[in-house]
Structure formats: structure tokens, C-alpha cells
Amino acid sequence: MKKRVLITGASGFVGYHLIEEALHSNLDVYVAVRKTSKVDHLKHFNITYTYPDLGNLITLKKELKEKQYDYIIHAAGVTTARTADEYNTVNAEYTFNLAAAAKSTDINLKSFILISSLAAVGPLNTLSGIISEDTLPNPITAYGKSKLLAEEKLKSITSLNYTILRPTAIYGPRDKDIFIFFKQLKLGIEPYIGNTEQKLSFVYVKDLAAVAIKALYISNRNTYNLSDGNFYSRYELATIAKNVLNLKTVKFHLPVNFVKLIALISEKVSSLSSKAAVLNSEKLLELMAVNWSCEIDKAKYDLGYYPLFNLDAGLTETLNWYKTNKWL
């Protein structure tokens, strides 16, 4: 009989690839989505939909007892929100609710995988050094703080087998965040914020999905930083993309204060609507951070994590997918 896995955030970019990898691993996949979620892109998968209320501990317990999951991969969350409270509710409280319900319900849950973020640690403010699992967390945004809070709440649940994965910037087919930059390149423009030198890191979504499934069987109450094992200058993303797409662009550097003004205006507009601003003052802090490079030795040793894609290989596959599917 197949082992049953629940994947939250399944309608999203990362969720899609988690589903694909779980099915390849011969798991019985249940996907947690909202009833309002768009799921047309999942219709070719042999999966079962479920609609748990992550804000309701009582109904969560009922859901878990009824479905008897062997594994849970919790990838649901928000990357943009209007307030710190909203980040904390969705990213931290919902994580705790799901894990607490799993622990207190009579199911034989073998492992709980949390997809956190390197933002929970925060960047280094100098080019020297590298982020490790021993780096003292110092998140610089409400998003990063909410992810760190989620980790702390998960760790507070005794005797729960969990693994926390902290991916750096994730890219790949179906991503809509870094994709914005690719659309700008397609228009012939290559904008940067300020002139500060940076060390950036990336992880291809398929490598993340593969190690998340591996972690199901090695869950050990540990935390792992994830990247492709390399670091890159601020210009390498565009350089590779332009080579793949055969593009020429005009490179320019926007004044930091000008971009801050745009972010403030975006926040004001957002406050008048129910939609969070894509660009805000805190997001700028992450975009302008000096050093996001991280080591992955611990994940290699414990989880057998050996990324198959560096930025060149991952971007080539990603951009070809965008072109084939008429996103670019």
C-alpha cells in the first residue's frame, strides 16, 4: 500500500513541483488547497484534493484523523502581505496549528517537512563570510521574521519528527517572481537598484522538490540551508538569461532613494486595497542585501543533497519552458 503524503500550498509554484516529485516517488498524494484556488494546471496529476482550514485546530484534527497521513510537507505561506500580523498568522500560526494537530491526533505521522526560507536567517552585511546553519538568525523583513517564528513554533512541539528546509531564492518553471525580471529583459531593459556589489544564491525548484521528498524518510529535527552550492554576482542572472534568449539590453542603475519612493507609493496604494504590494520597503532590503551565499554541506551529509542544476543549467531549462508555454 502506498504511503500517503499531504502537501500544503499545492496550487503554488513550489507546490506543483512537490506534487510531481512525490508522484514520481510512488506516494499517494493529497493536496491541500483553498476552494478558491486555481487548480487547472494540476488536472493532469493523479491526486486527491482536500480543503483543510489551517486556522482551525479542531477541524484540522478531524481532517488528519480521517485521512491518516504518513507524511506532511508544509509549503503553504505568503511571501507578500500588508502587515506583520498577516505574515505571522499565515506563515507561523498556521504552521504551528498543522503540526500541533498532527502531533495530538492519533495518526502515525512519520515526518513533517517545513519549507521555510533563508530569509529566516537573513543576509550577511559584508561580502566576506557565508551563511551556515550556525549563523545567528537576524531576519531583516517581516516575512523573514515570520518564517523564523514558524521554525521556532515547530521546534516547540516535542517528539514531532520534523525537518526544516531553508531554500534561498527559488526559480524554475511556473515561477512568477523572478519571472518579472525576465520580462524586463525581454523588453530590452536591465534595471538594478544602486551600485552595491552583491553575492547572491539560487536554488532550482526541481532540486528543492527532490530533497524535500528525500527528507521525508530522514526526518531528524534538524534545519538545512539550501542553494545550488554556488554564489553569483548581481549580474550573472541577467547574463545567463540574455545568452539563452539571445537578447541585448540596456543596463542601468536606479538611484536607491528613487526606488524607495516607488516602494512607498506602492505601499500606500496597497493600503487602500486588499492586495499586498509586490514591491515594498522591506522587499527592497532583501533585494539590496549584500551577501546571500550559503553553505550546503550539512544537507549534503545528512540528506544526500547534491543539486543537479547550477544557475546556467536551471535557467536554460526554465527559460525554454517560459518560451514553450508562451510566457515570454
C-alpha atoms as a PDB file:
ATOM      1  CA  MET A   1       0.000   0.000   0.000  1.00  0.00           C
ATOM      2  CA  LYS A   2       1.287   3.429  -0.941  1.00  0.00           C
ATOM      3  CA  LYS A   3       2.324   5.871   1.780  1.00  0.00           C
ATOM      4  CA  ARG A   4       0.119   8.954   1.940  1.00  0.00           C
ATOM      5  CA  VAL A   5       1.546  12.474   1.876  1.00  0.00           C
ATOM      6  CA  LEU A   6      -0.253  15.776   2.408  1.00  0.00           C
ATOM      7  CA  ILE A   7       1.220  18.741   0.527  1.00  0.00           C
ATOM      8  CA  THR A   8       0.014  22.196   1.557  1.00  0.00           C
ATOM      9  CA  GLY A   9       0.379  25.191  -0.721  1.00  0.00           C
ATOM     10  CA  ALA A  10      -0.052  22.721  -3.527  1.00  0.00           C
ATOM     11  CA  SER A  11      -1.562  25.147  -6.039  1.00  0.00           C
ATOM     12  CA  GLY A  12       1.542  27.341  -5.947  1.00  0.00           C
ATOM     13  CA  PHE A  13       4.802  27.332  -7.861  1.00  0.00           C
ATOM     14  CA  VAL A  14       6.776  25.170  -5.433  1.00  0.00           C
ATOM     15  CA  GLY A  15       3.723  23.029  -4.667  1.00  0.00           C
ATOM     16  CA  TYR A  16       3.424  21.974  -8.303  1.00  0.00           C
ATOM     17  CA  HIS A  17       6.949  20.570  -8.318  1.00  0.00           C
ATOM     18  CA  LEU A  18       6.498  18.916  -4.928  1.00  0.00           C
ATOM     19  CA  ILE A  19       3.455  17.095  -6.320  1.00  0.00           C
ATOM     20  CA  GLU A  20       5.383  15.997  -9.398  1.00  0.00           C
ATOM     21  CA  GLU A  21       8.293  14.663  -7.338  1.00  0.00           C
ATOM     22  CA  ALA A  22       6.010  12.936  -4.805  1.00  0.00           C
ATOM     23  CA  LEU A  23       4.178  11.110  -7.594  1.00  0.00           C
ATOM     24  CA  HIS A  24       7.487  10.059  -9.144  1.00  0.00           C
ATOM     25  CA  SER A  25       8.331   8.593  -5.732  1.00  0.00           C
ATOM     26  CA  ASN A  26       5.151   6.494  -5.825  1.00  0.00           C
ATOM     27  CA  LEU A  27       3.413   8.327  -2.981  1.00  0.00           C
ATOM     28  CA  ASP A  28      -0.348   8.690  -2.598  1.00  0.00           C
ATOM     29  CA  VAL A  29      -0.598  12.472  -2.893  1.00  0.00           C
ATOM     30  CA  TYR A  30      -3.206  14.622  -1.169  1.00  0.00           C
ATOM     31  CA  VAL A  31      -3.068  18.320  -1.965  1.00  0.00           C
ATOM     32  CA  ALA A  32      -4.325  20.961   0.432  1.00  0.00           C
ATOM     33  CA  VAL A  33      -5.771  23.944  -1.407  1.00  0.00           C
ATOM     34  CA  ARG A  34      -8.343  26.641  -0.822  1.00  0.00           C
ATOM     35  CA  LYS A  35     -11.686  26.180  -2.545  1.00  0.00           C
ATOM     36  CA  THR A  36     -10.970  29.433  -4.395  1.00  0.00           C
ATOM     37  CA  SER A  37      -7.533  28.283  -5.595  1.00  0.00           C
ATOM     38  CA  LYS A  38      -6.836  27.935  -9.304  1.00  0.00           C
ATOM     39  CA  VAL A  39      -6.004  24.280  -9.903  1.00  0.00           C
ATOM     40  CA  ASP A  40      -6.478  23.811 -13.650  1.00  0.00           C
ATOM     41  CA  HIS A  41      -2.717  23.323 -14.039  1.00  0.00           C
ATOM     42  CA  LEU A  42      -2.922  20.307 -11.699  1.00  0.00           C
ATOM     43  CA  LYS A  43      -5.679  18.435 -13.533  1.00  0.00           C
ATOM     44  CA  HIS A  44      -3.285  16.002 -15.247  1.00  0.00           C
ATOM     45  CA  PHE A  45      -1.967  14.748 -11.895  1.00  0.00           C
ATOM     46  CA  ASN A  46      -3.390  11.684 -10.152  1.00  0.00           C
ATOM     47  CA  ILE A  47      -4.000  13.449  -6.837  1.00  0.00           C
ATOM     48  CA  THR A  48      -6.714  13.905  -4.228  1.00  0.00           C
ATOM     49  CA  TYR A  49      -7.853  17.392  -3.241  1.00  0.00           C
ATOM     50  CA  THR A  50      -8.561  18.350   0.343  1.00  0.00           C
ATOM     51  CA  TYR A  51      -9.541  21.690   1.868  1.00  0.00           C
ATOM     52  CA  PRO A  52      -8.305  21.970   5.466  1.00  0.00           C
ATOM     53  CA  ASP A  53      -8.755  25.195   7.410  1.00  0.00           C
ATOM     54  CA  LEU A  54      -5.264  25.856   8.743  1.00  0.00           C
ATOM     55  CA  GLY A  55      -6.672  28.447  11.090  1.00  0.00           C
ATOM     56  CA  ASN A  56      -8.942  25.979  12.882  1.00  0.00           C
ATOM     57  CA  LEU A  57      -7.227  23.448  15.137  1.00  0.00           C
ATOM     58  CA  ILE A  58     -10.418  21.438  15.756  1.00  0.00           C
ATOM     59  CA  THR A  59     -11.237  20.848  12.099  1.00  0.00           C
ATOM     60  CA  LEU A  60      -7.574  20.192  11.366  1.00  0.00           C
ATOM     61  CA  LYS A  61      -7.523  17.360  13.882  1.00  0.00           C
ATOM     62  CA  LYS A  62     -10.631  15.903  12.275  1.00  0.00           C
ATOM     63  CA  GLU A  63      -9.034  16.166   8.821  1.00  0.00           C
ATOM     64  CA  LEU A  64      -5.836  14.431   9.896  1.00  0.00           C
ATOM     65  CA  LYS A  65      -7.601  11.677  11.816  1.00  0.00           C
ATOM     66  CA  GLU A  66      -9.830  10.943   8.845  1.00  0.00           C
ATOM     67  CA  LYS A  67      -7.060  10.938   6.224  1.00  0.00           C
ATOM     68  CA  GLN A  68      -4.303   9.254   8.297  1.00  0.00           C
ATOM     69  CA  TYR A  69      -1.355  10.839   6.533  1.00  0.00           C
ATOM     70  CA  ASP A  70       2.060   9.214   6.768  1.00  0.00           C
ATOM     71  CA  TYR A  71       3.884  12.410   5.816  1.00  0.00           C
ATOM     72  CA  ILE A  72       3.220  16.151   5.626  1.00  0.00           C
ATOM     73  CA  ILE A  73       5.089  18.696   3.507  1.00  0.00           C
ATOM     74  CA  HIS A  74       4.032  22.160   4.597  1.00  0.00           C
ATOM     75  CA  ALA A  75       4.771  24.590   1.779  1.00  0.00           C
ATOM     76  CA  ALA A  76       1.803  26.933   2.228  1.00  0.00           C
ATOM     77  CA  GLY A  77       2.548  30.527   3.137  1.00  0.00           C
ATOM     78  CA  VAL A  78       2.661  34.103   1.912  1.00  0.00           C
ATOM     79  CA  THR A  79       5.657  35.986   0.528  1.00  0.00           C
ATOM     80  CA  THR A  80       3.826  39.316   0.380  1.00  0.00           C
ATOM     81  CA  ALA A  81       1.420  40.677   2.976  1.00  0.00           C
ATOM     82  CA  ARG A  82       0.155  44.056   4.144  1.00  0.00           C
ATOM     83  CA  THR A  83       1.120  43.692   7.802  1.00  0.00           C
ATOM     84  CA  ALA A  84       3.495  41.772  10.061  1.00  0.00           C
ATOM     85  CA  ASP A  85       0.464  40.220  11.741  1.00  0.00           C
ATOM     86  CA  GLU A  86      -0.690  38.788   8.426  1.00  0.00           C
ATOM     87  CA  TYR A  87       2.743  37.260   7.805  1.00  0.00           C
ATOM     88  CA  ASN A  88       2.824  35.796  11.312  1.00  0.00           C
ATOM     89  CA  THR A  89      -0.691  34.378  11.107  1.00  0.00           C
ATOM     90  CA  VAL A  90      -0.252  32.605   7.780  1.00  0.00           C
ATOM     91  CA  ASN A  91       3.407  31.631   7.977  1.00  0.00           C
ATOM     92  CA  ALA A  92       3.815  30.913  11.693  1.00  0.00           C
ATOM     93  CA  GLU A  93       0.446  30.279  13.358  1.00  0.00           C
ATOM     94  CA  TYR A  94      -0.803  28.037  10.560  1.00  0.00           C
ATOM     95  CA  THR A  95       2.436  26.052  10.692  1.00  0.00           C
ATOM     96  CA  PHE A  96       2.006  25.522  14.418  1.00  0.00           C
ATOM     97  CA  ASN A  97      -1.655  24.581  14.033  1.00  0.00           C
ATOM     98  CA  LEU A  98      -0.957  21.921  11.428  1.00  0.00           C
ATOM     99  CA  ALA A  99       1.980  20.443  13.333  1.00  0.00           C
ATOM    100  CA  ALA A 100       0.162  20.558  16.686  1.00  0.00           C
ATOM    101  CA  ALA A 101      -2.893  18.884  15.170  1.00  0.00           C
ATOM    102  CA  ALA A 102      -0.695  16.172  13.671  1.00  0.00           C
ATOM    103  CA  LYS A 103       1.008  15.590  16.993  1.00  0.00           C
ATOM    104  CA  SER A 104      -2.162  15.473  19.086  1.00  0.00           C
ATOM    105  CA  THR A 105      -4.162  13.305  16.687  1.00  0.00           C
ATOM    106  CA  ASP A 106      -3.971   9.534  16.687  1.00  0.00           C
ATOM    107  CA  ILE A 107      -2.096   9.122  13.418  1.00  0.00           C
ATOM    108  CA  ASN A 108       1.244   7.503  12.741  1.00  0.00           C
ATOM    109  CA  LEU A 109       2.858  10.582  11.197  1.00  0.00           C
ATOM    110  CA  LYS A 110       6.411   9.690  10.256  1.00  0.00           C
ATOM    111  CA  SER A 111       7.670  13.166   9.361  1.00  0.00           C
ATOM    112  CA  PHE A 112       6.708  16.811   8.958  1.00  0.00           C
ATOM    113  CA  ILE A 113       8.688  18.856   6.423  1.00  0.00           C
ATOM    114  CA  LEU A 114       8.546  22.648   6.668  1.00  0.00           C
ATOM    115  CA  ILE A 115       9.541  24.666   3.618  1.00  0.00           C
ATOM    116  CA  SER A 116      10.971  27.712   5.345  1.00  0.00           C
ATOM    117  CA  SER A 117      13.321  30.275   3.777  1.00  0.00           C
ATOM    118  CA  LEU A 118      16.883  31.541   4.018  1.00  0.00           C
ATOM    119  CA  ALA A 119      15.163  34.850   4.836  1.00  0.00           C
ATOM    120  CA  ALA A 120      14.600  33.374   8.310  1.00  0.00           C
ATOM    121  CA  VAL A 121      18.352  33.730   8.860  1.00  0.00           C
ATOM    122  CA  GLY A 122      18.774  36.937   6.906  1.00  0.00           C
ATOM    123  CA  PRO A 123      21.711  38.032   4.735  1.00  0.00           C
ATOM    124  CA  LEU A 124      25.245  38.932   5.766  1.00  0.00           C
ATOM    125  CA  ASN A 125      26.127  42.601   5.504  1.00  0.00           C
ATOM    126  CA  THR A 126      29.639  42.042   4.101  1.00  0.00           C
ATOM    127  CA  LEU A 127      30.876  40.155   1.056  1.00  0.00           C
ATOM    128  CA  SER A 128      33.125  38.024   3.215  1.00  0.00           C
ATOM    129  CA  GLY A 129      31.652  35.040   5.011  1.00  0.00           C
ATOM    130  CA  ILE A 130      28.956  32.531   4.198  1.00  0.00           C
ATOM    131  CA  ILE A 131      25.635  31.719   5.846  1.00  0.00           C
ATOM    132  CA  SER A 132      25.568  28.377   7.674  1.00  0.00           C
ATOM    133  CA  GLU A 133      23.075  26.649   9.931  1.00  0.00           C
ATOM    134  CA  ASP A 134      25.101  28.024  12.861  1.00  0.00           C
ATOM    135  CA  THR A 135      24.750  31.632  11.704  1.00  0.00           C
ATOM    136  CA  LEU A 136      22.811  33.615  14.302  1.00  0.00           C
ATOM    137  CA  PRO A 137      19.425  34.431  12.706  1.00  0.00           C
ATOM    138  CA  ASN A 138      18.881  38.111  12.002  1.00  0.00           C
ATOM    139  CA  PRO A 139      15.969  38.371   9.540  1.00  0.00           C
ATOM    140  CA  ILE A 140      15.626  41.846   8.055  1.00  0.00           C
ATOM    141  CA  THR A 141      11.977  41.697   6.962  1.00  0.00           C
ATOM    142  CA  ALA A 142       8.625  40.835   8.479  1.00  0.00           C
ATOM    143  CA  TYR A 143       8.493  37.918   6.050  1.00  0.00           C
ATOM    144  CA  GLY A 144      11.818  36.548   7.280  1.00  0.00           C
ATOM    145  CA  LYS A 145      10.810  37.084  10.907  1.00  0.00           C
ATOM    146  CA  SER A 146       7.553  35.189  10.338  1.00  0.00           C
ATOM    147  CA  LYS A 147       9.464  32.263   8.822  1.00  0.00           C
ATOM    148  CA  LEU A 148      11.821  32.204  11.798  1.00  0.00           C
ATOM    149  CA  LEU A 149       8.820  32.296  14.127  1.00  0.00           C
ATOM    150  CA  ALA A 150       7.319  29.348  12.235  1.00  0.00           C
ATOM    151  CA  GLU A 151      10.529  27.396  12.780  1.00  0.00           C
ATOM    152  CA  GLU A 152      10.557  28.222  16.496  1.00  0.00           C
ATOM    153  CA  LYS A 153       6.918  27.192  16.917  1.00  0.00           C
ATOM    154  CA  LEU A 154       7.565  23.917  15.101  1.00  0.00           C
ATOM    155  CA  LYS A 155      10.566  23.181  17.316  1.00  0.00           C
ATOM    156  CA  SER A 156       8.425  23.737  20.412  1.00  0.00           C
ATOM    157  CA  ILE A 157       6.333  20.653  19.631  1.00  0.00           C
ATOM    158  CA  THR A 158       8.137  17.868  21.427  1.00  0.00           C
ATOM    159  CA  SER A 159       8.547  14.405  19.923  1.00  0.00           C
ATOM    160  CA  LEU A 160       7.427  15.515  16.461  1.00  0.00           C
ATOM    161  CA  ASN A 161       9.716  14.276  13.708  1.00  0.00           C
ATOM    162  CA  TYR A 162      10.355  17.329  11.555  1.00  0.00           C
ATOM    163  CA  THR A 163      12.860  18.708   9.079  1.00  0.00           C
ATOM    164  CA  ILE A 164      13.154  22.405   8.268  1.00  0.00           C
ATOM    165  CA  LEU A 165      14.388  23.320   4.791  1.00  0.00           C
ATOM    166  CA  ARG A 166      15.604  26.876   4.188  1.00  0.00           C
ATOM    167  CA  PRO A 167      15.886  27.434   0.429  1.00  0.00           C
ATOM    168  CA  THR A 168      17.456  30.592  -0.902  1.00  0.00           C
ATOM    169  CA  ALA A 169      15.880  32.345  -3.933  1.00  0.00           C
ATOM    170  CA  ILE A 170      13.856  29.678  -5.768  1.00  0.00           C
ATOM    171  CA  TYR A 171      13.400  29.796  -9.532  1.00  0.00           C
ATOM    172  CA  GLY A 172      12.110  27.457 -12.203  1.00  0.00           C
ATOM    173  CA  PRO A 173       9.150  26.753 -14.492  1.00  0.00           C
ATOM    174  CA  ARG A 174       5.936  28.444 -13.264  1.00  0.00           C
ATOM    175  CA  ASP A 175       7.721  30.934 -11.007  1.00  0.00           C
ATOM    176  CA  LYS A 176       6.154  34.397 -11.220  1.00  0.00           C
ATOM    177  CA  ASP A 177       8.539  36.418  -9.032  1.00  0.00           C
ATOM    178  CA  ILE A 178      11.960  36.269 -10.685  1.00  0.00           C
ATOM    179  CA  PHE A 179       9.983  35.941 -13.926  1.00  0.00           C
ATOM    180  CA  ILE A 180       9.216  39.674 -13.627  1.00  0.00           C
ATOM    181  CA  PHE A 181      12.916  40.379 -14.191  1.00  0.00           C
ATOM    182  CA  PHE A 182      12.979  38.140 -17.261  1.00  0.00           C
ATOM    183  CA  LYS A 183      10.049  40.065 -18.739  1.00  0.00           C
ATOM    184  CA  GLN A 184      12.034  43.281 -18.305  1.00  0.00           C
ATOM    185  CA  LEU A 185      14.993  41.742 -20.103  1.00  0.00           C
ATOM    186  CA  LYS A 186      12.662  40.730 -22.932  1.00  0.00           C
ATOM    187  CA  LEU A 187      11.692  44.392 -23.255  1.00  0.00           C
ATOM    188  CA  GLY A 188      15.357  45.274 -23.625  1.00  0.00           C
ATOM    189  CA  ILE A 189      15.877  46.815 -20.199  1.00  0.00           C
ATOM    190  CA  GLU A 190      18.128  45.546 -17.411  1.00  0.00           C
ATOM    191  CA  PRO A 191      17.488  47.564 -14.245  1.00  0.00           C
ATOM    192  CA  TYR A 192      19.401  47.363 -10.976  1.00  0.00           C
ATOM    193  CA  ILE A 193      18.933  49.104  -7.659  1.00  0.00           C
ATOM    194  CA  GLY A 194      22.015  51.100  -6.709  1.00  0.00           C
ATOM    195  CA  ASN A 195      25.604  50.057  -7.397  1.00  0.00           C
ATOM    196  CA  THR A 196      26.457  47.874  -4.412  1.00  0.00           C
ATOM    197  CA  GLU A 197      28.381  44.686  -5.147  1.00  0.00           C
ATOM    198  CA  GLN A 198      26.452  41.553  -4.116  1.00  0.00           C
ATOM    199  CA  LYS A 199      26.866  37.798  -3.642  1.00  0.00           C
ATOM    200  CA  LEU A 200      23.594  36.052  -4.494  1.00  0.00           C
ATOM    201  CA  SER A 201      22.468  32.439  -4.313  1.00  0.00           C
ATOM    202  CA  PHE A 202      19.742  30.476  -6.055  1.00  0.00           C
ATOM    203  CA  VAL A 203      18.150  27.038  -5.980  1.00  0.00           C
ATOM    204  CA  TYR A 204      16.337  25.345  -8.839  1.00  0.00           C
ATOM    205  CA  VAL A 205      12.847  24.273  -7.844  1.00  0.00           C
ATOM    206  CA  LYS A 206      13.346  20.683  -9.004  1.00  0.00           C
ATOM    207  CA  ASP A 207      16.367  20.291  -6.729  1.00  0.00           C
ATOM    208  CA  LEU A 208      14.315  21.668  -3.836  1.00  0.00           C
ATOM    209  CA  ALA A 209      11.435  19.280  -4.557  1.00  0.00           C
ATOM    210  CA  ALA A 210      13.780  16.299  -4.773  1.00  0.00           C
ATOM    211  CA  VAL A 211      15.420  16.973  -1.408  1.00  0.00           C
ATOM    212  CA  ALA A 212      12.040  17.656   0.233  1.00  0.00           C
ATOM    213  CA  ILE A 213      10.914  14.150  -0.721  1.00  0.00           C
ATOM    214  CA  LYS A 214      14.234  12.671   0.451  1.00  0.00           C
ATOM    215  CA  ALA A 215      13.787  14.433   3.786  1.00  0.00           C
ATOM    216  CA  LEU A 216      10.504  12.585   4.358  1.00  0.00           C
ATOM    217  CA  TYR A 217      12.491   9.441   5.092  1.00  0.00           C
ATOM    218  CA  ILE A 218      15.292  11.082   7.118  1.00  0.00           C
ATOM    219  CA  SER A 219      13.283  13.487   9.262  1.00  0.00           C
ATOM    220  CA  ASN A 220      15.501  14.233  12.253  1.00  0.00           C
ATOM    221  CA  ARG A 221      14.519  17.517  13.945  1.00  0.00           C
ATOM    222  CA  ASN A 222      17.167  19.425  12.025  1.00  0.00           C
ATOM    223  CA  THR A 223      17.411  22.544   9.869  1.00  0.00           C
ATOM    224  CA  TYR A 224      19.127  22.804   6.485  1.00  0.00           C
ATOM    225  CA  ASN A 225      20.078  25.727   4.262  1.00  0.00           C
ATOM    226  CA  LEU A 226      19.617  25.026   0.555  1.00  0.00           C
ATOM    227  CA  SER A 227      21.125  26.570  -2.554  1.00  0.00           C
ATOM    228  CA  ASP A 228      22.782  25.117  -5.643  1.00  0.00           C
ATOM    229  CA  GLY A 229      26.096  25.283  -3.773  1.00  0.00           C
ATOM    230  CA  ASN A 230      27.390  28.321  -5.673  1.00  0.00           C
ATOM    231  CA  PHE A 231      27.201  32.084  -5.329  1.00  0.00           C
ATOM    232  CA  TYR A 232      26.768  34.621  -8.098  1.00  0.00           C
ATOM    233  CA  SER A 233      27.365  38.295  -8.777  1.00  0.00           C
ATOM    234  CA  ARG A 234      24.329  40.525  -9.167  1.00  0.00           C
ATOM    235  CA  TYR A 235      24.721  40.496 -12.964  1.00  0.00           C
ATOM    236  CA  GLU A 236      25.024  36.758 -13.638  1.00  0.00           C
ATOM    237  CA  LEU A 237      21.277  36.059 -13.642  1.00  0.00           C
ATOM    238  CA  ALA A 238      20.775  38.528 -16.484  1.00  0.00           C
ATOM    239  CA  THR A 239      23.925  37.492 -18.339  1.00  0.00           C
ATOM    240  CA  ILE A 240      22.846  33.857 -18.495  1.00  0.00           C
ATOM    241  CA  ALA A 241      19.247  34.749 -19.364  1.00  0.00           C
ATOM    242  CA  LYS A 242      20.339  37.041 -22.193  1.00  0.00           C
ATOM    243  CA  ASN A 243      22.543  34.290 -23.631  1.00  0.00           C
ATOM    244  CA  VAL A 244      19.700  31.764 -23.540  1.00  0.00           C
ATOM    245  CA  LEU A 245      17.157  34.176 -25.011  1.00  0.00           C
ATOM    246  CA  ASN A 246      19.650  35.798 -27.421  1.00  0.00           C
ATOM    247  CA  LEU A 247      18.850  39.273 -26.110  1.00  0.00           C
ATOM    248  CA  LYS A 248      20.595  42.609 -25.957  1.00  0.00           C
ATOM    249  CA  THR A 249      19.596  45.013 -23.201  1.00  0.00           C
ATOM    250  CA  VAL A 250      20.293  48.462 -21.847  1.00  0.00           C
ATOM    251  CA  LYS A 251      21.779  48.095 -18.362  1.00  0.00           C
ATOM    252  CA  PHE A 252      21.139  50.908 -15.893  1.00  0.00           C
ATOM    253  CA  HIS A 253      21.235  51.501 -12.148  1.00  0.00           C
ATOM    254  CA  LEU A 254      18.307  53.205 -10.459  1.00  0.00           C
ATOM    255  CA  PRO A 255      19.056  55.509  -7.511  1.00  0.00           C
ATOM    256  CA  VAL A 256      18.187  53.769  -4.252  1.00  0.00           C
ATOM    257  CA  ASN A 257      16.143  56.724  -2.981  1.00  0.00           C
ATOM    258  CA  PHE A 258      14.078  56.759  -6.164  1.00  0.00           C
ATOM    259  CA  VAL A 259      13.211  53.064  -5.801  1.00  0.00           C
ATOM    260  CA  LYS A 260      12.383  53.623  -2.128  1.00  0.00           C
ATOM    261  CA  LEU A 261       9.907  56.307  -3.197  1.00  0.00           C
ATOM    262  CA  ILE A 262       8.291  53.925  -5.675  1.00  0.00           C
ATOM    263  CA  ALA A 263       8.016  51.309  -2.922  1.00  0.00           C
ATOM    264  CA  LEU A 264       6.374  53.794  -0.549  1.00  0.00           C
ATOM    265  CA  ILE A 265       3.834  54.764  -3.204  1.00  0.00           C
ATOM    266  CA  SER A 266       3.149  51.072  -3.870  1.00  0.00           C
ATOM    267  CA  GLU A 267       2.564  50.520  -0.144  1.00  0.00           C
ATOM    268  CA  LYS A 268       0.125  53.440   0.018  1.00  0.00           C
ATOM    269  CA  VAL A 269      -1.852  52.081  -2.924  1.00  0.00           C
ATOM    270  CA  SER A 270      -1.827  48.642  -1.330  1.00  0.00           C
ATOM    271  CA  SER A 271      -3.201  50.011   1.949  1.00  0.00           C
ATOM    272  CA  LEU A 272      -6.299  51.188   0.081  1.00  0.00           C
ATOM    273  CA  SER A 273      -6.960  47.738  -1.363  1.00  0.00           C
ATOM    274  CA  SER A 274      -6.991  44.139  -0.172  1.00  0.00           C
ATOM    275  CA  LYS A 275      -3.924  43.227  -2.210  1.00  0.00           C
ATOM    276  CA  ALA A 276      -0.390  43.298  -0.808  1.00  0.00           C
ATOM    277  CA  ALA A 277       2.224  45.325  -2.673  1.00  0.00           C
ATOM    278  CA  VAL A 278       4.700  43.267  -4.712  1.00  0.00           C
ATOM    279  CA  LEU A 279       7.385  45.911  -4.137  1.00  0.00           C
ATOM    280  CA  ASN A 280       7.616  47.393  -0.659  1.00  0.00           C
ATOM    281  CA  SER A 281      10.262  48.910   1.596  1.00  0.00           C
ATOM    282  CA  GLU A 282      11.064  45.589   3.246  1.00  0.00           C
ATOM    283  CA  LYS A 283      11.353  43.716  -0.035  1.00  0.00           C
ATOM    284  CA  LEU A 284      13.933  46.298  -1.053  1.00  0.00           C
ATOM    285  CA  LEU A 285      16.045  45.345   1.950  1.00  0.00           C
ATOM    286  CA  GLU A 286      16.236  41.768   0.670  1.00  0.00           C
ATOM    287  CA  LEU A 287      16.841  42.827  -2.934  1.00  0.00           C
ATOM    288  CA  MET A 288      19.686  45.152  -1.925  1.00  0.00           C
ATOM    289  CA  ALA A 289      21.276  42.846   0.674  1.00  0.00           C
ATOM    290  CA  VAL A 290      24.999  42.340   0.198  1.00  0.00           C
ATOM    291  CA  ASN A 291      25.520  38.625   0.783  1.00  0.00           C
ATOM    292  CA  TRP A 292      23.023  35.744   0.437  1.00  0.00           C
ATOM    293  CA  SER A 293      25.600  32.996  -0.137  1.00  0.00           C
ATOM    294  CA  CYS A 294      25.100  29.891   1.992  1.00  0.00           C
ATOM    295  CA  GLU A 295      26.850  26.575   2.509  1.00  0.00           C
ATOM    296  CA  ILE A 296      25.009  23.284   1.963  1.00  0.00           C
ATOM    297  CA  ASP A 297      27.464  20.788   3.440  1.00  0.00           C
ATOM    298  CA  LYS A 298      25.074  19.745   6.206  1.00  0.00           C
ATOM    299  CA  ALA A 299      22.307  18.954   3.698  1.00  0.00           C
ATOM    300  CA  LYS A 300      24.749  17.002   1.567  1.00  0.00           C
ATOM    301  CA  TYR A 301      25.895  14.904   4.506  1.00  0.00           C
ATOM    302  CA  ASP A 302      22.527  14.285   6.184  1.00  0.00           C
ATOM    303  CA  LEU A 303      20.081  14.316   3.267  1.00  0.00           C
ATOM    304  CA  GLY A 304      22.217  13.270   0.333  1.00  0.00           C
ATOM    305  CA  TYR A 305      21.510  16.635  -1.268  1.00  0.00           C
ATOM    306  CA  TYR A 306      23.580  17.090  -4.419  1.00  0.00           C
ATOM    307  CA  PRO A 307      21.920  19.688  -6.669  1.00  0.00           C
ATOM    308  CA  LEU A 308      21.718  18.707 -10.321  1.00  0.00           C
ATOM    309  CA  PHE A 309      21.308  22.268 -11.588  1.00  0.00           C
ATOM    310  CA  ASN A 310      23.586  25.261 -11.347  1.00  0.00           C
ATOM    311  CA  LEU A 311      22.189  28.622 -12.442  1.00  0.00           C
ATOM    312  CA  ASP A 312      23.215  28.145 -16.068  1.00  0.00           C
ATOM    313  CA  ALA A 313      21.528  24.729 -16.427  1.00  0.00           C
ATOM    314  CA  GLY A 314      18.469  25.694 -14.396  1.00  0.00           C
ATOM    315  CA  LEU A 315      17.882  28.951 -16.237  1.00  0.00           C
ATOM    316  CA  THR A 316      18.263  27.272 -19.610  1.00  0.00           C
ATOM    317  CA  GLU A 317      15.520  24.783 -18.760  1.00  0.00           C
ATOM    318  CA  THR A 318      13.358  27.442 -17.113  1.00  0.00           C
ATOM    319  CA  LEU A 319      13.549  29.993 -19.914  1.00  0.00           C
ATOM    320  CA  ASN A 320      12.881  27.339 -22.544  1.00  0.00           C
ATOM    321  CA  TRP A 321       9.779  26.367 -20.547  1.00  0.00           C
ATOM    322  CA  TYR A 322       8.640  30.014 -20.496  1.00  0.00           C
ATOM    323  CA  LYS A 323       9.093  30.248 -24.231  1.00  0.00           C
ATOM    324  CA  THR A 324       7.368  26.943 -24.980  1.00  0.00           C
ATOM    325  CA  ASN A 325       4.402  27.894 -22.803  1.00  0.00           C
ATOM    326  CA  LYS A 326       4.281  31.432 -24.245  1.00  0.00           C
ATOM    327  CA  TRP A 327       5.071  33.218 -21.010  1.00  0.00           C
ATOM    328  CA  LEU A 328       7.916  35.006 -22.824  1.00  0.00           C
END
